[in-house]
Amino acid sequence: MSDQARTQELLLLGQIHGLVQSLKDGQDLQNRRMDDFEKKVDHRFDGMDSRLRTVEQKAAVMGAVSGGAMAVGTALIIEGIKQWLGRGGPTP
């Protein structure tokens, strides 16, 4: 193999090495960007999660209160109807 051919091979290998290194650097940069973005998103979700938890707790309390009120109201209505029918119902 001549010196000129060997020099060409080394130049091509150098170019290939440069391209691979460039791709690796770009991939590393992209990975860092994605990690930074993921940290920001996680922080936002943590804030939303705590606010949502508060809303869910308030909704559960309101649901329990309204369910209890409906049960008491229904019992009162039924009892009122029973008493009304026990007195003979509507008077003509």
Protein backbone atom coordinates (compact mmCIF):
# COMPACT_ATOMS: atom_id res chain seq x y z
CA MET A 1 0.00 0.00 0.00
CA SER A 2 1.39 3.37 -0.95
CA ASP A 3 1.86 6.25 1.41
CA GLN A 4 -0.68 8.27 -0.51
CA ALA A 5 -3.37 5.56 -0.13
CA ARG A 6 -2.57 5.23 3.59
CA THR A 7 -2.89 9.00 3.99
CA GLN A 8 -6.30 8.95 2.25
CA GLU A 9 -7.49 6.17 4.57
CA LEU A 10 -6.36 8.11 7.62
CA LEU A 11 -8.10 11.24 6.38
CA LEU A 12 -11.34 9.31 5.81
CA LEU A 13 -11.06 7.74 9.26
CA GLY A 14 -10.54 11.20 10.74
CA GLN A 15 -13.66 12.47 8.98
CA ILE A 16 -15.68 9.50 10.20
CA HIS A 17 -14.40 10.02 13.72
CA GLY A 18 -15.38 13.72 13.55
CA LEU A 19 -18.88 12.87 12.34
CA VAL A 20 -19.38 10.27 15.06
CA GLN A 21 -18.10 12.68 17.72
CA SER A 22 -20.42 15.39 16.41
CA LEU A 23 -23.40 13.03 16.56
CA LYS A 24 -22.47 12.00 20.10
CA ASP A 25 -22.14 15.64 21.21
CA GLY A 26 -25.54 16.45 19.69
CA GLN A 27 -27.13 13.48 21.38
CA ASP A 28 -25.60 14.47 24.74
CA LEU A 29 -26.94 18.01 24.33
CA GLN A 30 -30.40 16.67 23.47
CA ASN A 31 -30.33 14.39 26.51
CA ARG A 32 -29.46 17.33 28.77
CA ARG A 33 -32.29 19.39 27.28
CA MET A 34 -34.75 16.55 27.80
CA ASP A 35 -33.59 16.10 31.41
CA ASP A 36 -34.05 19.83 32.08
CA PHE A 37 -37.50 19.76 30.49
CA GLU A 38 -38.50 16.69 32.51
CA LYS A 39 -37.46 18.41 35.74
CA LYS A 40 -39.59 21.45 34.87
CA VAL A 41 -42.59 19.30 33.99
CA ASP A 42 -42.23 17.23 37.17
CA HIS A 43 -42.14 20.43 39.24
CA ARG A 44 -45.31 21.70 37.57
CA PHE A 45 -47.10 18.38 38.04
CA ASP A 46 -46.18 18.35 41.72
CA GLY A 47 -47.83 21.75 42.13
CA MET A 48 -50.91 20.69 40.19
CA ASP A 49 -51.11 17.45 42.14
CA SER A 50 -51.21 19.24 45.49
CA ARG A 51 -53.89 21.67 44.24
CA LEU A 52 -55.92 18.81 42.79
CA ARG A 53 -55.67 16.90 46.07
CA THR A 54 -57.14 19.90 47.90
CA VAL A 55 -60.01 20.13 45.40
CA GLU A 56 -60.67 16.40 45.71
CA GLN A 57 -60.82 16.64 49.50
CA LYS A 58 -63.27 19.53 49.35
CA ALA A 59 -65.41 17.67 46.81
CA ALA A 60 -65.47 14.57 49.04
CA VAL A 61 -66.60 16.64 52.03
CA MET A 62 -69.27 18.41 50.01
CA GLY A 63 -70.46 15.09 48.58
CA ALA A 64 -70.73 13.56 52.04
CA VAL A 65 -72.60 16.60 53.40
CA SER A 66 -75.02 16.77 50.47
CA GLY A 67 -75.57 12.99 50.59
CA GLY A 68 -76.37 13.19 54.29
CA ALA A 69 -78.73 16.11 53.73
CA MET A 70 -80.52 14.21 50.96
CA ALA A 71 -80.90 11.14 53.20
CA VAL A 72 -82.37 13.24 56.04
CA GLY A 73 -84.64 15.10 53.63
CA THR A 74 -85.89 11.88 52.07
CA ALA A 75 -86.56 10.36 55.50
CA LEU A 76 -88.52 13.48 56.55
CA ILE A 77 -90.60 13.42 53.37
CA ILE A 78 -91.41 9.72 53.78
CA GLU A 79 -92.34 10.23 57.41
CA GLY A 80 -94.52 13.19 56.48
CA ILE A 81 -96.32 11.14 53.82
CA LYS A 82 -96.87 8.31 56.31
CA GLN A 83 -98.40 10.70 58.85
CA TRP A 84 -100.53 12.36 56.21
CA LEU A 85 -101.85 8.99 54.98
CA GLY A 86 -102.34 7.86 58.62
CA ARG A 87 -104.71 10.81 59.14
CA GLY A 88 -106.82 9.77 56.22
CA GLY A 89 -105.07 11.44 53.32
CA PRO A 90 -106.56 14.43 51.53
CA THR A 91 -109.88 15.65 52.82
CA PRO A 92 -112.48 16.07 50.07
